[in-house]
Amino acid sequence: MIPGIKQYNLSGHFENAMIIKNVNIYFDGKITSRTVFFTDDSRKALSFMMPGESKFGTGFSEVIKMLKGEMNVLLPD
């Protein structure tokens, strides 16, 4: 335990990971994203989104795991 720091359930924590400090900033700072690399050479994006509308175009499928909040996703026609 760290004195003065609220303790959270760490069942969803990353082990043996490296987070890149450089941040990707989108939509005037309402969405930020950092890359997390793992020892098996896989990577994930750790993103924070503020309320609002955003439209992203990607060339591939993505899996999004939300930890808190809600989101509506519109799929292309």
Protein backbone atom coordinates (compact mmCIF):
# COMPACT_ATOMS: atom_id res chain seq x y z
CA MET A 1 0.00 0.00 0.00
CA ILE A 2 1.08 3.53 -0.72
CA PRO A 3 0.22 5.97 2.11
CA GLY A 4 -2.20 8.69 1.02
CA ILE A 5 -3.08 6.95 -2.27
CA LYS A 6 -6.48 5.36 -2.75
CA GLN A 7 -6.04 1.64 -3.40
CA TYR A 8 -7.88 0.08 -6.33
CA ASN A 9 -8.65 -3.47 -7.33
CA LEU A 10 -5.69 -4.33 -9.56
CA SER A 11 -7.20 -7.40 -11.22
CA GLY A 12 -7.15 -5.52 -14.51
CA HIS A 13 -3.60 -4.18 -14.27
CA PHE A 14 -0.83 -4.60 -16.83
CA GLU A 15 2.26 -6.61 -15.85
CA ASN A 16 5.67 -6.36 -17.52
CA ALA A 17 4.61 -3.41 -19.64
CA MET A 18 6.28 -0.23 -20.84
CA ILE A 19 4.21 2.92 -21.40
CA ILE A 20 5.53 5.43 -23.92
CA LYS A 21 5.43 8.91 -22.37
CA ASN A 22 4.73 10.69 -25.66
CA VAL A 23 1.02 11.32 -25.91
CA ASN A 24 -1.22 11.37 -28.97
CA ILE A 25 -3.72 14.21 -28.62
CA TYR A 26 -6.99 14.35 -30.56
CA PHE A 27 -9.96 16.72 -30.74
CA ASP A 28 -8.35 19.66 -28.92
CA GLY A 29 -7.19 17.46 -26.04
CA LYS A 30 -10.54 15.80 -25.38
CA ILE A 31 -9.01 12.43 -26.26
CA THR A 32 -5.48 11.39 -25.35
CA SER A 33 -3.76 8.09 -26.03
CA ARG A 34 -0.49 6.43 -25.04
CA THR A 35 1.05 3.24 -26.39
CA VAL A 36 1.70 0.33 -24.02
CA PHE A 37 4.22 -2.35 -25.11
CA PHE A 38 4.34 -5.84 -23.59
CA THR A 39 7.16 -8.38 -23.33
CA ASP A 40 5.51 -10.59 -25.98
CA ASP A 41 5.87 -7.68 -28.49
CA SER A 42 2.14 -6.96 -28.43
CA ARG A 43 0.88 -3.46 -27.82
CA LYS A 44 -2.27 -1.66 -26.74
CA ALA A 45 -3.44 1.92 -26.63
CA LEU A 46 -4.36 3.37 -23.24
CA SER A 47 -6.78 6.20 -23.98
CA PHE A 48 -8.76 8.76 -22.01
CA MET A 49 -11.88 10.33 -23.52
CA MET A 50 -13.82 13.36 -22.30
CA PRO A 51 -17.56 13.66 -23.07
CA GLY A 52 -18.39 14.82 -26.57
CA GLU A 53 -18.66 13.68 -30.16
CA SER A 54 -15.64 12.34 -32.01
CA LYS A 55 -15.24 10.67 -35.35
CA PHE A 56 -12.28 8.39 -35.99
CA GLY A 57 -11.51 6.68 -39.26
CA THR A 58 -9.48 3.48 -39.02
CA GLY A 59 -8.34 1.05 -41.65
CA PHE A 60 -8.78 -1.99 -39.43
CA SER A 61 -11.05 -3.43 -36.73
CA GLU A 62 -10.42 -2.42 -33.13
CA VAL A 63 -11.40 -3.88 -29.78
CA ILE A 64 -12.28 -1.29 -27.15
CA LYS A 65 -12.49 -2.22 -23.47
CA MET A 66 -14.18 0.50 -21.43
CA LEU A 67 -13.38 0.78 -17.76
CA LYS A 68 -15.94 3.45 -16.90
CA GLY A 69 -18.63 5.47 -18.63
CA GLU A 70 -20.66 4.79 -21.73
CA MET A 71 -20.22 5.23 -25.46
CA ASN A 72 -22.30 5.03 -28.62
CA VAL A 73 -20.45 3.63 -31.61
CA LEU A 74 -21.74 4.25 -35.12
CA LEU A 75 -20.56 1.75 -37.70
CA PRO A 76 -20.05 2.68 -41.35
CA ASP A 77 -22.84 1.88 -43.80
